[in-house]
Amino acid sequence: MDYRDHYPAALRLLSHLVDVCLALAGLAIVSLVFCNAFLRGFAGFDLAWSLEVTSFLLLWSTFIGCAAAIARGAHMRVTEIVESLLPRLVQRGLSIIIDAIIAALLISLIYTGFNISLHTWAQKTTVLYWPVGLLYASMPVGMTLSLIFHLFNMVFDIRNPVIPKSTHSDGGEALL
């Protein structure tokens, strides 16, 4: 279920900003890799800095992309066994427990990522001399965005239970 339609304006704006950043980063990655390959093949040299920039963009896109997927409700869930074996009330309780575990995991990743970034900030990359901690800062930033979206989605799911796909006439999910 795509949660973005139910977000308040500020959260919807944040989700849109994440999407724009991902699109720009993807365009930059493709452009840099193509230009560098073209220069290496036809001009006999490459841009030394492009590998570092591409690495930074790929890592940041990965963690920011996690937040975009959470906003869309696009992370994979395998629910067939639970839906067929457990009553709906137990399913709801299990869903809340799983969401709480995910929130705790995200908080743990934010804390760990912040510490890694802090401890590597003094190190510099080889070509651009950017702080290595900036590379590792992608994890706490991406996980913080993910946590923001996850908490809203969790509260929304608690307030608006969903009918499982197997019981809905058109095969889709519907709010009770």
C-alpha atoms as a PDB file:
ATOM      1  CA  MET A   1       0.000   0.000   0.000  1.00  0.00           C
ATOM      2  CA  ASP A   2       1.334   3.379  -0.989  1.00  0.00           C
ATOM      3  CA  TYR A   3       1.099   5.518   2.135  1.00  0.00           C
ATOM      4  CA  ARG A   4       2.041   8.834   0.510  1.00  0.00           C
ATOM      5  CA  ASP A   5      -1.571   9.790  -0.263  1.00  0.00           C
ATOM      6  CA  HIS A   6      -2.315   9.692   3.468  1.00  0.00           C
ATOM      7  CA  TYR A   7       0.699  11.780   4.560  1.00  0.00           C
ATOM      8  CA  PRO A   8       0.280  15.282   5.949  1.00  0.00           C
ATOM      9  CA  ALA A   9       1.632  18.041   3.697  1.00  0.00           C
ATOM     10  CA  ALA A  10       5.081  18.252   5.347  1.00  0.00           C
ATOM     11  CA  LEU A  11       5.668  14.503   5.110  1.00  0.00           C
ATOM     12  CA  ARG A  12       4.403  14.427   1.521  1.00  0.00           C
ATOM     13  CA  LEU A  13       6.848  17.238   0.691  1.00  0.00           C
ATOM     14  CA  LEU A  14       9.687  15.300   2.344  1.00  0.00           C
ATOM     15  CA  SER A  15       8.782  12.196   0.327  1.00  0.00           C
ATOM     16  CA  HIS A  16       8.723  14.250  -2.863  1.00  0.00           C
ATOM     17  CA  LEU A  17      12.122  15.774  -2.005  1.00  0.00           C
ATOM     18  CA  VAL A  18      13.546  12.266  -1.456  1.00  0.00           C
ATOM     19  CA  ASP A  19      12.195  11.203  -4.873  1.00  0.00           C
ATOM     20  CA  VAL A  20      13.730  14.246  -6.587  1.00  0.00           C
ATOM     21  CA  CYS A  21      17.109  13.598  -4.925  1.00  0.00           C
ATOM     22  CA  LEU A  22      17.002   9.961  -6.052  1.00  0.00           C
ATOM     23  CA  ALA A  23      16.145  10.925  -9.623  1.00  0.00           C
ATOM     24  CA  LEU A  24      18.950  13.496  -9.769  1.00  0.00           C
ATOM     25  CA  ALA A  25      21.448  11.083  -8.209  1.00  0.00           C
ATOM     26  CA  GLY A  26      20.455   8.365 -10.687  1.00  0.00           C
ATOM     27  CA  LEU A  27      20.854  10.747 -13.604  1.00  0.00           C
ATOM     28  CA  ALA A  28      24.251  11.877 -12.290  1.00  0.00           C
ATOM     29  CA  ILE A  29      25.438   8.276 -11.826  1.00  0.00           C
ATOM     30  CA  VAL A  30      24.431   7.256 -15.345  1.00  0.00           C
ATOM     31  CA  SER A  31      25.970  10.419 -16.844  1.00  0.00           C
ATOM     32  CA  LEU A  32      29.251  10.058 -14.954  1.00  0.00           C
ATOM     33  CA  VAL A  33      29.677   6.388 -15.780  1.00  0.00           C
ATOM     34  CA  PHE A  34      28.811   6.936 -19.454  1.00  0.00           C
ATOM     35  CA  CYS A  35      31.106   9.955 -19.833  1.00  0.00           C
ATOM     36  CA  ASN A  36      33.965   8.229 -18.048  1.00  0.00           C
ATOM     37  CA  ALA A  37      33.621   5.095 -20.187  1.00  0.00           C
ATOM     38  CA  PHE A  38      33.430   7.207 -23.339  1.00  0.00           C
ATOM     39  CA  LEU A  39      36.548   9.189 -22.396  1.00  0.00           C
ATOM     40  CA  ARG A  40      38.453   6.030 -21.484  1.00  0.00           C
ATOM     41  CA  GLY A  41      37.520   4.302 -24.737  1.00  0.00           C
ATOM     42  CA  PHE A  42      37.851   7.154 -27.226  1.00  0.00           C
ATOM     43  CA  ALA A  43      40.157   9.725 -25.630  1.00  0.00           C
ATOM     44  CA  GLY A  44      42.460   7.351 -23.758  1.00  0.00           C
ATOM     45  CA  PHE A  45      41.998   8.897 -20.308  1.00  0.00           C
ATOM     46  CA  ASP A  46      39.392   8.960 -17.592  1.00  0.00           C
ATOM     47  CA  LEU A  47      38.206  11.329 -14.895  1.00  0.00           C
ATOM     48  CA  ALA A  48      39.870  10.201 -11.675  1.00  0.00           C
ATOM     49  CA  TRP A  49      37.291  11.873  -9.483  1.00  0.00           C
ATOM     50  CA  SER A  50      34.278  10.269 -11.167  1.00  0.00           C
ATOM     51  CA  LEU A  51      34.754   6.940  -9.372  1.00  0.00           C
ATOM     52  CA  GLU A  52      34.639   8.625  -5.954  1.00  0.00           C
ATOM     53  CA  VAL A  53      31.622  10.743  -6.837  1.00  0.00           C
ATOM     54  CA  THR A  54      29.811   7.719  -8.270  1.00  0.00           C
ATOM     55  CA  SER A  55      30.575   5.705  -5.115  1.00  0.00           C
ATOM     56  CA  PHE A  56      29.202   8.480  -2.925  1.00  0.00           C
ATOM     57  CA  LEU A  57      26.073   8.817  -5.060  1.00  0.00           C
ATOM     58  CA  LEU A  58      25.453   5.058  -5.143  1.00  0.00           C
ATOM     59  CA  LEU A  59      25.733   4.679  -1.387  1.00  0.00           C
ATOM     60  CA  TRP A  60      23.584   7.720  -0.643  1.00  0.00           C
ATOM     61  CA  SER A  61      21.007   6.561  -3.209  1.00  0.00           C
ATOM     62  CA  THR A  62      20.853   3.142  -1.566  1.00  0.00           C
ATOM     63  CA  PHE A  63      20.018   4.444   1.896  1.00  0.00           C
ATOM     64  CA  ILE A  64      17.768   7.280   0.704  1.00  0.00           C
ATOM     65  CA  GLY A  65      16.059   4.749  -1.582  1.00  0.00           C
ATOM     66  CA  CYS A  66      15.191   2.672   1.477  1.00  0.00           C
ATOM     67  CA  ALA A  67      13.215   5.631   2.814  1.00  0.00           C
ATOM     68  CA  ALA A  68      11.448   6.070  -0.534  1.00  0.00           C
ATOM     69  CA  ALA A  69      10.474   2.398  -0.538  1.00  0.00           C
ATOM     70  CA  ILE A  70       9.097   2.640   3.007  1.00  0.00           C
ATOM     71  CA  ALA A  71       7.023   5.688   2.031  1.00  0.00           C
ATOM     72  CA  ARG A  72       5.526   3.623  -0.790  1.00  0.00           C
ATOM     73  CA  GLY A  73       5.026   0.536   1.370  1.00  0.00           C
ATOM     74  CA  ALA A  74       7.159  -1.279  -1.202  1.00  0.00           C
ATOM     75  CA  HIS A  75       9.369  -3.422   1.022  1.00  0.00           C
ATOM     76  CA  MET A  76       8.661  -7.103   0.589  1.00  0.00           C
ATOM     77  CA  ARG A  77       6.382  -8.903   3.020  1.00  0.00           C
ATOM     78  CA  VAL A  78       5.487 -12.574   2.849  1.00  0.00           C
ATOM     79  CA  THR A  79       2.102 -12.867   4.531  1.00  0.00           C
ATOM     80  CA  GLU A  80       0.480 -15.922   2.966  1.00  0.00           C
ATOM     81  CA  ILE A  81       1.333 -18.322   5.804  1.00  0.00           C
ATOM     82  CA  VAL A  82       0.334 -15.900   8.557  1.00  0.00           C
ATOM     83  CA  GLU A  83      -2.926 -15.005   6.789  1.00  0.00           C
ATOM     84  CA  SER A  84      -3.898 -18.634   6.350  1.00  0.00           C
ATOM     85  CA  LEU A  85      -2.925 -19.913   9.817  1.00  0.00           C
ATOM     86  CA  LEU A  86      -3.638 -17.099  12.274  1.00  0.00           C
ATOM     87  CA  PRO A  87      -6.836 -15.223  13.130  1.00  0.00           C
ATOM     88  CA  ARG A  88      -7.055 -11.589  12.069  1.00  0.00           C
ATOM     89  CA  LEU A  89      -6.664 -10.256  15.631  1.00  0.00           C
ATOM     90  CA  VAL A  90      -3.403 -12.201  16.095  1.00  0.00           C
ATOM     91  CA  GLN A  91      -2.212 -10.977  12.685  1.00  0.00           C
ATOM     92  CA  ARG A  92      -2.743  -7.368  13.773  1.00  0.00           C
ATOM     93  CA  GLY A  93      -0.812  -7.943  16.997  1.00  0.00           C
ATOM     94  CA  LEU A  94       2.001  -9.669  15.134  1.00  0.00           C
ATOM     95  CA  SER A  95       2.120  -6.806  12.634  1.00  0.00           C
ATOM     96  CA  ILE A  96       2.461  -4.258  15.445  1.00  0.00           C
ATOM     97  CA  ILE A  97       5.244  -6.297  17.069  1.00  0.00           C
ATOM     98  CA  ILE A  98       7.103  -6.570  13.751  1.00  0.00           C
ATOM     99  CA  ASP A  99       6.723  -2.816  13.139  1.00  0.00           C
ATOM    100  CA  ALA A 100       8.114  -2.104  16.622  1.00  0.00           C
ATOM    101  CA  ILE A 101      11.096  -4.398  15.957  1.00  0.00           C
ATOM    102  CA  ILE A 102      11.742  -2.628  12.646  1.00  0.00           C
ATOM    103  CA  ALA A 103      11.620   0.755  14.419  1.00  0.00           C
ATOM    104  CA  ALA A 104      14.127  -0.500  17.018  1.00  0.00           C
ATOM    105  CA  LEU A 105      16.382  -1.811  14.249  1.00  0.00           C
ATOM    106  CA  LEU A 106      16.237   1.537  12.433  1.00  0.00           C
ATOM    107  CA  ILE A 107      17.159   3.361  15.658  1.00  0.00           C
ATOM    108  CA  SER A 108      20.082   0.966  16.127  1.00  0.00           C
ATOM    109  CA  LEU A 109      21.262   1.604  12.556  1.00  0.00           C
ATOM    110  CA  ILE A 110      21.009   5.373  13.065  1.00  0.00           C
ATOM    111  CA  TYR A 111      23.120   5.154  16.229  1.00  0.00           C
ATOM    112  CA  THR A 112      25.707   2.823  14.679  1.00  0.00           C
ATOM    113  CA  GLY A 113      25.906   4.795  11.433  1.00  0.00           C
ATOM    114  CA  PHE A 114      26.345   8.066  13.311  1.00  0.00           C
ATOM    115  CA  ASN A 115      29.221   6.596  15.323  1.00  0.00           C
ATOM    116  CA  ILE A 116      30.923   5.162  12.220  1.00  0.00           C
ATOM    117  CA  SER A 117      30.545   8.479  10.413  1.00  0.00           C
ATOM    118  CA  LEU A 118      31.883  10.403  13.398  1.00  0.00           C
ATOM    119  CA  HIS A 119      34.931   8.143  13.771  1.00  0.00           C
ATOM    120  CA  THR A 120      35.837   8.283  10.075  1.00  0.00           C
ATOM    121  CA  TRP A 121      35.218  11.997   9.490  1.00  0.00           C
ATOM    122  CA  ALA A 122      38.929  12.876   9.813  1.00  0.00           C
ATOM    123  CA  GLN A 123      39.932  10.433   7.053  1.00  0.00           C
ATOM    124  CA  LYS A 124      39.999  11.840   3.511  1.00  0.00           C
ATOM    125  CA  THR A 125      39.267  10.215   0.165  1.00  0.00           C
ATOM    126  CA  THR A 126      42.225   9.734  -2.171  1.00  0.00           C
ATOM    127  CA  VAL A 127      41.271  12.009  -5.072  1.00  0.00           C
ATOM    128  CA  LEU A 128      38.809  14.653  -3.888  1.00  0.00           C
ATOM    129  CA  TYR A 129      39.924  14.735  -0.227  1.00  0.00           C
ATOM    130  CA  TRP A 130      36.319  14.596   0.946  1.00  0.00           C
ATOM    131  CA  PRO A 131      35.747  13.298   4.486  1.00  0.00           C
ATOM    132  CA  VAL A 132      35.171   9.537   4.477  1.00  0.00           C
ATOM    133  CA  GLY A 133      32.617  10.146   7.234  1.00  0.00           C
ATOM    134  CA  LEU A 134      30.464  11.894   4.625  1.00  0.00           C
ATOM    135  CA  LEU A 135      30.223   8.588   2.786  1.00  0.00           C
ATOM    136  CA  TYR A 136      29.190   6.761   5.965  1.00  0.00           C
ATOM    137  CA  ALA A 137      26.748   9.539   6.932  1.00  0.00           C
ATOM    138  CA  SER A 138      24.422   8.139   4.281  1.00  0.00           C
ATOM    139  CA  MET A 139      23.369   5.382   6.695  1.00  0.00           C
ATOM    140  CA  PRO A 140      22.113   7.505   9.608  1.00  0.00           C
ATOM    141  CA  VAL A 141      20.512  10.037   7.249  1.00  0.00           C
ATOM    142  CA  GLY A 142      18.745   7.367   5.193  1.00  0.00           C
ATOM    143  CA  MET A 143      17.679   5.405   8.264  1.00  0.00           C
ATOM    144  CA  THR A 144      16.372   8.567   9.954  1.00  0.00           C
ATOM    145  CA  LEU A 145      14.213   9.300   6.916  1.00  0.00           C
ATOM    146  CA  SER A 146      13.136   5.646   6.892  1.00  0.00           C
ATOM    147  CA  LEU A 147      12.207   5.836  10.580  1.00  0.00           C
ATOM    148  CA  ILE A 148      10.111   8.968  10.027  1.00  0.00           C
ATOM    149  CA  PHE A 149       8.127   7.284   7.248  1.00  0.00           C
ATOM    150  CA  HIS A 150       7.938   3.946   9.090  1.00  0.00           C
ATOM    151  CA  LEU A 151       6.530   5.506  12.279  1.00  0.00           C
ATOM    152  CA  PHE A 152       3.812   7.328  10.356  1.00  0.00           C
ATOM    153  CA  ASN A 153       2.976   4.160   8.393  1.00  0.00           C
ATOM    154  CA  MET A 154       2.861   2.146  11.615  1.00  0.00           C
ATOM    155  CA  VAL A 155       0.442   4.555  13.289  1.00  0.00           C
ATOM    156  CA  PHE A 156      -1.651   4.673  10.117  1.00  0.00           C
ATOM    157  CA  ASP A 157      -1.844   0.856   9.997  1.00  0.00           C
ATOM    158  CA  ILE A 158      -2.878   0.685  13.648  1.00  0.00           C
ATOM    159  CA  ARG A 159      -5.656   3.215  13.095  1.00  0.00           C
ATOM    160  CA  ASN A 160      -6.763   1.777   9.726  1.00  0.00           C
ATOM    161  CA  PRO A 161      -6.698  -2.035   9.611  1.00  0.00           C
ATOM    162  CA  VAL A 162      -6.491  -3.698   6.202  1.00  0.00           C
ATOM    163  CA  ILE A 163      -8.618  -6.564   4.905  1.00  0.00           C
ATOM    164  CA  PRO A 164      -6.253  -9.304   3.640  1.00  0.00           C
ATOM    165  CA  LYS A 165      -6.122  -9.830  -0.139  1.00  0.00           C
ATOM    166  CA  SER A 166      -7.634 -13.289   0.145  1.00  0.00           C
ATOM    167  CA  THR A 167     -10.920 -11.921   1.532  1.00  0.00           C
ATOM    168  CA  HIS A 168     -11.396  -8.898  -0.731  1.00  0.00           C
ATOM    169  CA  SER A 169     -13.525  -9.412  -3.860  1.00  0.00           C
ATOM    170  CA  ASP A 170     -11.257  -7.660  -6.376  1.00  0.00           C
ATOM    171  CA  GLY A 171      -7.999  -9.193  -5.078  1.00  0.00           C
ATOM    172  CA  GLY A 172      -6.756  -5.867  -3.675  1.00  0.00           C
ATOM    173  CA  GLU A 173      -6.409  -4.606  -0.163  1.00  0.00           C
ATOM    174  CA  ALA A 174      -9.049  -2.395   1.372  1.00  0.00           C
ATOM    175  CA  LEU A 175      -9.280  -0.447   4.593  1.00  0.00           C
ATOM    176  CA  LEU A 176     -11.885  -1.633   7.103  1.00  0.00           C
END
